[in-house]
Protein backbone atom coordinates (compact mmCIF):
# COMPACT_ATOMS: atom_id res chain seq x y z
CA MET A 1 98.49 201.85 149.83
CA PRO A 2 98.02 198.15 148.99
CA ARG A 3 98.11 196.90 145.46
CA PRO A 4 94.77 197.03 143.59
CA ALA A 5 94.04 193.30 144.00
CA LEU A 6 94.03 193.71 147.80
CA ARG A 7 91.71 196.73 147.87
CA THR A 8 88.57 194.66 148.32
CA ARG A 9 86.38 194.01 151.36
CA SER A 10 86.05 190.34 150.39
CA LEU A 11 89.50 189.78 151.93
CA ARG A 12 90.06 189.65 155.70
CA ARG A 13 92.53 192.14 157.13
CA ILE A 14 94.71 190.72 159.88
CA LEU A 15 96.98 193.01 161.89
CA LYS A 16 100.37 191.42 162.57
CA LYS A 17 103.04 192.88 164.84
CA ILE A 18 106.54 192.58 163.41
CA PRO A 19 109.75 192.39 165.50
CA GLY A 20 110.41 196.12 165.11
CA GLY A 21 107.17 196.85 166.94
CA ALA A 22 105.30 198.14 163.90
CA TYR A 23 102.04 196.64 162.66
CA ILE A 24 101.48 195.41 159.12
CA ILE A 25 98.33 194.14 157.46
CA HIS A 26 98.07 190.60 156.10
CA TYR A 27 95.27 189.77 153.69
CA SER A 28 93.54 186.38 153.57
CA LYS A 29 90.37 185.00 152.06
CA ARG A 30 87.36 184.73 154.35
CA LYS A 31 86.08 181.41 155.68
CA PRO A 32 82.86 180.03 154.20
CA SER A 33 79.63 180.16 156.19
CA VAL A 34 78.74 177.45 158.70
CA ALA A 35 77.17 174.26 157.30
CA LYS A 36 73.45 174.01 158.11
CA CYS A 37 71.06 171.10 158.58
CA ALA A 38 69.09 170.39 155.39
CA ARG A 39 65.89 169.93 157.38
CA CYS A 40 65.79 172.40 160.31
CA LYS A 41 68.47 174.88 159.08
CA LYS A 42 70.37 174.84 162.42
CA PRO A 43 74.21 175.06 162.29
CA LEU A 44 75.83 171.61 162.16
CA LYS A 45 78.22 170.61 164.90
CA GLY A 46 81.42 168.73 164.08
CA VAL A 47 81.64 169.97 160.48
CA ALA A 48 84.87 171.77 159.51
CA ARG A 49 84.50 175.37 158.34
CA GLU A 50 87.41 175.86 155.97
CA ARG A 51 88.19 176.81 152.40
CA PRO A 52 88.16 173.91 149.90
CA SER A 53 91.95 174.00 149.47
CA LYS A 54 92.44 173.41 153.22
CA LEU A 55 89.59 170.87 153.42
CA ARG A 56 91.41 168.65 150.92
CA LYS A 57 94.33 168.32 153.33
CA ILE A 58 92.16 167.45 156.36
CA ALA A 59 91.35 163.82 157.25
CA ALA A 60 87.81 162.63 156.44
CA THR A 61 87.11 161.90 160.12
CA ILE A 62 87.67 165.57 160.98
CA LYS A 63 85.63 166.98 158.08
CA LYS A 64 82.25 165.60 159.21
CA PRO A 65 80.66 163.14 161.68
CA SER A 66 80.80 159.48 160.64
CA ARG A 67 77.15 158.71 161.53
CA PRO A 68 74.46 158.28 158.84
CA TYR A 69 73.56 161.64 157.25
CA GLY A 70 76.65 163.15 158.94
CA GLY A 71 77.44 166.56 157.45
CA ASN A 72 73.94 166.83 155.96
CA LEU A 73 71.50 166.55 158.89
CA CYS A 74 71.86 167.44 162.56
CA SER A 75 71.80 164.53 165.02
CA LYS A 76 68.18 165.22 166.04
CA CYS A 77 66.86 165.28 162.45
CA ALA A 78 68.96 162.25 161.49
CA LYS A 79 67.41 160.30 164.38
CA GLU A 80 63.91 161.24 163.21
CA VAL A 81 64.64 160.27 159.58
CA LEU A 82 66.06 156.91 160.65
CA LYS A 83 62.92 156.25 162.74
CA GLU A 84 60.68 157.15 159.78
CA THR A 85 62.55 154.83 157.40
CA LYS A 86 62.42 152.02 159.96
CA LEU A 87 58.62 152.40 160.28
CA LYS A 88 58.12 152.27 156.49
CA ARG A 89 59.79 148.87 156.23
């Protein structure tokens, strides 16, 4: 039986095969949910889905798109917002 700290469903259970042929269970924290567009609530493409500790080690260009509103709005909504702001000027 695992130690009490590992007896929770909030941890992922990963089966690993060891050289002897037996299987052991590794426990790891679950990934966060997918980032969503602030306007249409669709999942964002090109946004890393990792835990904050791993995100700190990743380059900024991999974390989110480098376009305006990248990581906040999907490309379709960002295009619409940019058109709206251009018309207001």
